[in-house]
Amino acid sequence: MADIHKYNVKVYYEDTDVGGIVYYANYLKFTERARTEMIYDLFKLSHQKLKDQHDAIFVVRSCNIKYVKSALFEDNLTVETSIVKKSQVRLNLLQEVKRGEELLISSGVELAVVNKQGSVTKLPESLFKKLK
């Protein structure tokens, strides 16, 4: 499998429901942050610079989440992101949220590359080569 990007998250009270369990939609926030940090690390560019300098924006085309176990208030989690498949117009990722080695959620995410007008475009070759 490709390199794994790791992003750490601490669960705060605001992330939970009244029972102290992470609200299901908040896993989307955790995985979004992890994807953003992966892009920053791989390209050494912010999303704003990616848009301004290369006219390329990553948008979520699809997301499929399997919930396995619940995270709890004050848990320390890791979001592991791997590139499963790549092309200059599409990026397929596997994202897993874990508590230690324990899998909590698994998510398949497909990203599309669009330009400022919202049309599908190709990621420049110089950036595509940086995707591991």
Protein backbone atom coordinates (compact mmCIF):
# COMPACT_ATOMS: atom_id res chain seq x y z
CA MET A 1 0.00 0.00 0.00
CA ALA A 2 1.08 3.61 -0.53
CA ASP A 3 2.58 5.81 2.14
CA ILE A 4 0.25 6.53 5.03
CA HIS A 5 -0.27 10.12 6.14
CA LYS A 6 -1.13 10.41 9.83
CA TYR A 7 -3.05 13.23 11.48
CA ASN A 8 -3.79 13.34 15.21
CA VAL A 9 -7.11 14.51 16.65
CA LYS A 10 -8.21 14.95 20.26
CA VAL A 11 -11.93 14.59 20.90
CA TYR A 12 -13.36 17.65 22.62
CA TYR A 13 -16.73 17.99 24.33
CA GLU A 14 -18.05 19.90 21.30
CA ASP A 15 -17.42 16.80 19.14
CA THR A 16 -19.73 14.61 21.22
CA ASP A 17 -23.38 14.05 21.88
CA VAL A 18 -24.97 14.12 25.34
CA GLY A 19 -23.59 10.63 26.03
CA GLY A 20 -19.98 11.67 25.41
CA ILE A 21 -19.85 9.73 22.11
CA VAL A 22 -18.50 11.43 18.97
CA TYR A 23 -21.41 12.56 16.81
CA TYR A 24 -21.25 10.59 13.56
CA ALA A 25 -20.95 13.63 11.24
CA ASN A 26 -17.88 14.89 13.09
CA TYR A 27 -15.82 12.06 11.63
CA LEU A 28 -16.25 13.88 8.30
CA LYS A 29 -14.62 16.94 9.89
CA PHE A 30 -11.74 14.85 11.22
CA THR A 31 -11.11 13.22 7.83
CA GLU A 32 -11.42 16.56 6.00
CA ARG A 33 -8.73 18.08 8.22
CA ALA A 34 -6.50 15.05 7.63
CA ARG A 35 -6.93 15.31 3.84
CA THR A 36 -6.10 19.01 3.96
CA GLU A 37 -2.92 18.38 5.97
CA MET A 38 -1.93 15.58 3.58
CA ILE A 39 -2.25 17.97 0.61
CA TYR A 40 -0.20 20.62 2.45
CA ASP A 41 2.51 18.05 3.24
CA LEU A 42 2.68 16.49 -0.23
CA PHE A 43 2.57 19.66 -2.31
CA LYS A 44 4.11 22.11 0.19
CA LEU A 45 1.23 24.38 -0.81
CA SER A 46 -1.92 25.60 0.88
CA HIS A 47 -5.25 25.01 -0.88
CA GLN A 48 -5.40 28.74 -1.60
CA LYS A 49 -2.02 28.67 -3.35
CA LEU A 50 -3.00 25.49 -5.20
CA LYS A 51 -6.02 27.38 -6.53
CA ASP A 52 -4.26 30.68 -7.22
CA GLN A 53 -1.03 29.34 -8.70
CA HIS A 54 -2.27 26.16 -10.47
CA ASP A 55 -6.04 26.73 -10.94
CA ALA A 56 -6.69 23.39 -9.23
CA ILE A 57 -9.14 22.64 -6.43
CA PHE A 58 -9.87 19.26 -4.85
CA VAL A 59 -13.57 18.60 -4.24
CA VAL A 60 -15.21 15.54 -2.72
CA ARG A 61 -17.01 13.56 -5.40
CA SER A 62 -18.08 10.69 -3.15
CA CYS A 63 -17.61 9.44 0.37
CA ASN A 64 -18.55 6.07 1.85
CA ILE A 65 -18.11 5.58 5.59
CA LYS A 66 -18.31 2.41 7.62
CA TYR A 67 -18.73 2.98 11.35
CA VAL A 68 -17.12 0.23 13.43
CA LYS A 69 -16.79 1.60 16.99
CA SER A 70 -17.45 4.88 18.74
CA ALA A 71 -14.87 7.42 19.80
CA LEU A 72 -15.40 9.04 23.17
CA PHE A 73 -14.86 12.39 24.86
CA GLU A 74 -11.11 13.05 25.40
CA ASP A 75 -9.97 10.16 23.18
CA ASN A 76 -6.78 10.71 21.22
CA LEU A 77 -7.36 9.57 17.64
CA THR A 78 -5.28 9.20 14.52
CA VAL A 79 -6.62 9.64 11.01
CA GLU A 80 -4.60 7.54 8.57
CA THR A 81 -4.91 8.53 4.91
CA SER A 82 -3.61 6.44 2.00
CA ILE A 83 -3.82 7.11 -1.71
CA VAL A 84 -5.43 4.03 -3.24
CA LYS A 85 -5.68 5.19 -6.86
CA LYS A 86 -4.66 8.36 -8.65
CA SER A 87 -4.97 10.14 -11.96
CA GLN A 88 -4.53 13.77 -12.90
CA VAL A 89 -8.29 14.35 -12.54
CA ARG A 90 -9.19 12.04 -9.66
CA LEU A 91 -7.79 10.83 -6.36
CA ASN A 92 -9.17 7.85 -4.42
CA LEU A 93 -8.29 7.66 -0.74
CA LEU A 94 -8.74 5.26 2.13
CA GLN A 95 -9.11 7.06 5.44
CA GLU A 96 -9.24 5.24 8.75
CA VAL A 97 -9.83 6.77 12.15
CA LYS A 98 -8.16 4.80 14.92
CA ARG A 99 -7.82 4.89 18.68
CA GLY A 100 -4.39 3.35 19.04
CA GLU A 101 -4.58 0.28 16.82
CA GLU A 102 -8.37 -0.01 17.18
CA LEU A 103 -10.29 0.84 13.98
CA LEU A 104 -13.24 3.15 14.59
CA ILE A 105 -14.27 4.16 11.07
CA SER A 106 -13.17 3.38 7.55
CA SER A 107 -13.91 5.78 4.72
CA GLY A 108 -13.43 5.59 0.98
CA VAL A 109 -13.22 9.07 -0.50
CA GLU A 110 -13.02 10.10 -4.13
CA LEU A 111 -11.72 13.58 -4.91
CA ALA A 112 -12.04 15.33 -8.25
CA VAL A 113 -9.81 18.13 -9.49
CA VAL A 114 -11.71 21.18 -10.74
CA ASN A 115 -10.68 24.67 -11.82
CA LYS A 116 -11.96 28.00 -10.45
CA GLN A 117 -15.01 27.75 -12.74
CA GLY A 118 -15.91 24.32 -11.33
CA SER A 119 -15.00 22.36 -14.46
CA VAL A 120 -13.00 19.15 -14.26
CA THR A 121 -9.34 19.86 -14.97
CA LYS A 122 -6.00 18.06 -14.80
CA LEU A 123 -3.63 18.44 -11.91
CA PRO A 124 -0.35 19.81 -13.29
CA GLU A 125 2.25 17.09 -13.94
CA SER A 126 4.69 18.70 -11.47
CA LEU A 127 2.15 18.26 -8.66
CA PHE A 128 0.88 14.86 -9.84
CA LYS A 129 4.42 13.47 -9.46
CA LYS A 130 4.36 14.42 -5.76
CA LEU A 131 1.40 12.13 -5.03
CA LYS A 132 2.74 9.00 -3.35
